[in-house]
Protein backbone atom coordinates (compact mmCIF):
# COMPACT_ATOMS: atom_id res chain seq x y z
CA MET A 1 45.46 -147.65 142.69
CA SER A 2 48.87 -147.09 141.19
CA LEU A 3 49.16 -146.97 137.42
CA LYS A 4 52.14 -148.00 135.32
CA PRO A 5 54.14 -145.13 133.78
CA SER A 6 52.66 -145.88 130.33
CA GLU A 7 49.13 -145.65 131.78
CA ILE A 8 49.96 -142.41 133.56
CA CYS A 9 51.16 -140.93 130.29
CA LYS A 10 47.86 -141.91 128.64
CA VAL A 11 45.91 -140.14 131.38
CA PHE A 12 48.01 -136.96 131.13
CA GLY A 13 48.25 -137.24 127.34
CA VAL A 14 44.88 -135.56 126.83
CA GLU A 15 44.99 -131.78 127.13
CA THR A 16 41.44 -131.52 128.49
CA ARG A 17 42.36 -133.73 131.45
CA VAL A 18 45.39 -131.58 132.16
CA GLN A 19 43.13 -128.50 132.02
CA ILE A 20 40.71 -130.13 134.47
CA ILE A 21 43.59 -130.87 136.85
CA GLU A 22 44.79 -127.26 136.55
CA LEU A 23 41.28 -125.94 137.25
CA LEU A 24 40.88 -128.11 140.33
CA LYS A 25 44.36 -127.17 141.49
CA ASN A 26 43.69 -123.45 141.10
CA LYS A 27 40.01 -123.18 142.04
CA GLY A 28 39.46 -126.07 144.44
CA PRO A 29 36.49 -128.43 144.30
CA LEU A 30 34.20 -127.94 141.29
CA GLY A 31 31.15 -129.69 139.89
CA ALA A 32 31.11 -131.21 136.41
CA ASN A 33 28.86 -128.43 135.06
CA GLU A 34 31.18 -125.75 136.45
CA ILE A 35 34.17 -127.44 134.83
CA ALA A 36 32.25 -127.72 131.54
CA ASP A 37 31.41 -124.01 131.62
CA LEU A 38 34.98 -122.98 132.43
CA LEU A 39 36.46 -125.18 129.68
CA ASN A 40 33.64 -124.47 127.21
CA ILE A 41 32.93 -128.17 126.59
CA THR A 42 29.88 -130.32 127.20
CA PRO A 43 29.11 -131.79 130.64
CA PRO A 44 29.08 -135.35 129.19
CA ALA A 45 32.62 -134.80 127.84
CA VAL A 46 33.73 -133.56 131.25
CA SER A 47 32.12 -136.59 132.89
CA GLN A 48 34.09 -138.95 130.64
CA HIS A 49 37.37 -137.21 131.50
CA LEU A 50 36.51 -137.19 135.21
CA LYS A 51 35.74 -140.91 135.03
CA ILE A 52 39.26 -141.57 133.73
CA LEU A 53 40.82 -139.23 136.30
CA LYS A 54 38.85 -140.97 139.08
CA HIS A 55 39.95 -144.39 137.83
CA ALA A 56 43.55 -143.14 138.09
CA ASP A 57 42.69 -141.90 141.61
CA ILE A 58 43.82 -138.39 140.66
CA VAL A 59 40.36 -136.96 141.30
CA ARG A 60 37.92 -137.69 144.12
CA SER A 61 34.28 -136.84 144.55
CA GLU A 62 31.75 -136.86 147.34
CA ARG A 63 28.06 -136.25 146.89
CA ASN A 64 26.83 -133.15 148.68
CA GLY A 65 23.07 -133.24 148.11
CA TYR A 66 22.57 -132.75 144.38
CA TRP A 67 26.05 -131.29 143.92
CA ILE A 68 29.02 -133.58 143.38
CA PRO A 69 32.24 -131.61 143.90
CA TYR A 70 35.42 -133.01 142.36
CA SER A 71 38.79 -132.36 143.97
CA LEU A 72 42.38 -133.46 143.45
CA ASN A 73 43.99 -136.30 145.32
CA LEU A 74 47.30 -134.47 145.80
CA ASP A 75 49.08 -137.48 147.31
CA VAL A 76 48.41 -139.60 144.23
CA LEU A 77 49.28 -136.71 141.91
CA ALA A 78 52.64 -136.32 143.70
CA HIS A 79 53.20 -140.09 143.47
CA TYR A 80 52.62 -140.02 139.69
CA GLN A 81 54.90 -137.00 139.38
CA GLN A 82 57.69 -139.00 141.03
CA LYS A 83 57.10 -141.94 138.68
CA ILE A 84 57.21 -139.70 135.61
CA THR A 85 60.33 -137.95 136.85
CA LYS A 86 62.10 -141.31 137.15
CA ILE A 87 61.47 -142.13 133.48
CA CYS A 88 62.05 -138.63 132.13
CA SER A 89 65.01 -138.47 129.77
CA CYS A 90 65.41 -134.68 129.80
CA GLU A 91 67.09 -134.84 133.22
CA CYS A 92 64.67 -132.28 134.66
CA HIS A 93 64.92 -134.21 137.94
CA ARG A 94 68.44 -132.84 138.28
CA HIS A 95 66.94 -129.38 138.88
CA HIS A 96 65.58 -130.63 142.20
CA ASN A 97 69.05 -131.34 143.54
CA THR A 98 70.78 -128.17 144.79
CA GLU A 99 74.21 -129.73 144.24
CA ASN A 100 73.55 -129.71 140.51
CA LEU A 101 72.63 -126.03 140.14
CA HIS A 102 75.91 -125.20 138.40
CA HIS A 103 74.11 -125.70 135.07
CA LEU A 104 72.25 -122.42 135.72
CA ASP A 105 75.41 -120.48 134.90
CA ASN A 106 75.00 -121.51 131.27
CA LEU A 107 71.39 -120.34 130.89
CA ASP A 108 70.33 -117.04 129.32
CA ILE A 109 67.93 -114.63 131.03
CA ASN A 110 64.81 -116.10 129.35
CA GLU A 111 65.72 -119.62 130.42
CA LEU A 112 66.40 -118.40 133.97
CA GLU A 113 63.03 -116.60 134.08
CA ASN A 114 61.32 -119.76 132.88
CA TYR A 115 63.13 -121.80 135.53
CA LYS A 116 62.11 -119.24 138.16
CA LYS A 117 58.43 -119.60 137.13
CA GLN A 118 58.71 -123.38 137.37
CA LEU A 119 60.16 -123.14 140.87
CA GLU A 120 57.48 -120.68 141.98
CA SER A 121 54.81 -123.02 140.65
CA LYS A 122 56.32 -125.96 142.53
CA ILE A 123 56.50 -123.89 145.73
CA LYS A 124 52.78 -123.02 145.43
CA TYR A 125 51.96 -126.68 144.80
CA ILE A 126 53.87 -127.79 147.90
CA GLU A 127 52.32 -125.02 150.00
CA ASN A 128 48.86 -126.21 148.89
CA ILE A 129 49.70 -129.75 149.95
CA LEU A 130 50.96 -128.56 153.34
CA ASP A 131 47.86 -126.39 153.90
CA LYS A 132 45.51 -129.38 153.50
């Protein structure tokens, strides 16, 4: 399923869902109770967020006995990232084009450090995709 940009923004517009995505990205497959414990929220609340993330096809699950591990669908997440980048008005997509790196000359050290962290995060994300 592919959502419209407005629907994608609704899914990512709730901080708890973003935290769930981050947990799954960093820790791998987790059960709803584990997610609830890590985020300090109730399992029913986690289940509601997971239901929305599953509907958006961002999260998958497969029953393993009594345990139902949830994991990220990285292909769909990357697809949504591309859609959001297309509508973004801050021109952050320009940072992905090496021909447009001349703007870095105008940044102070804090902005460069922040940009460095963003790039390192993206490199880890891509490495995770390639490892799967």
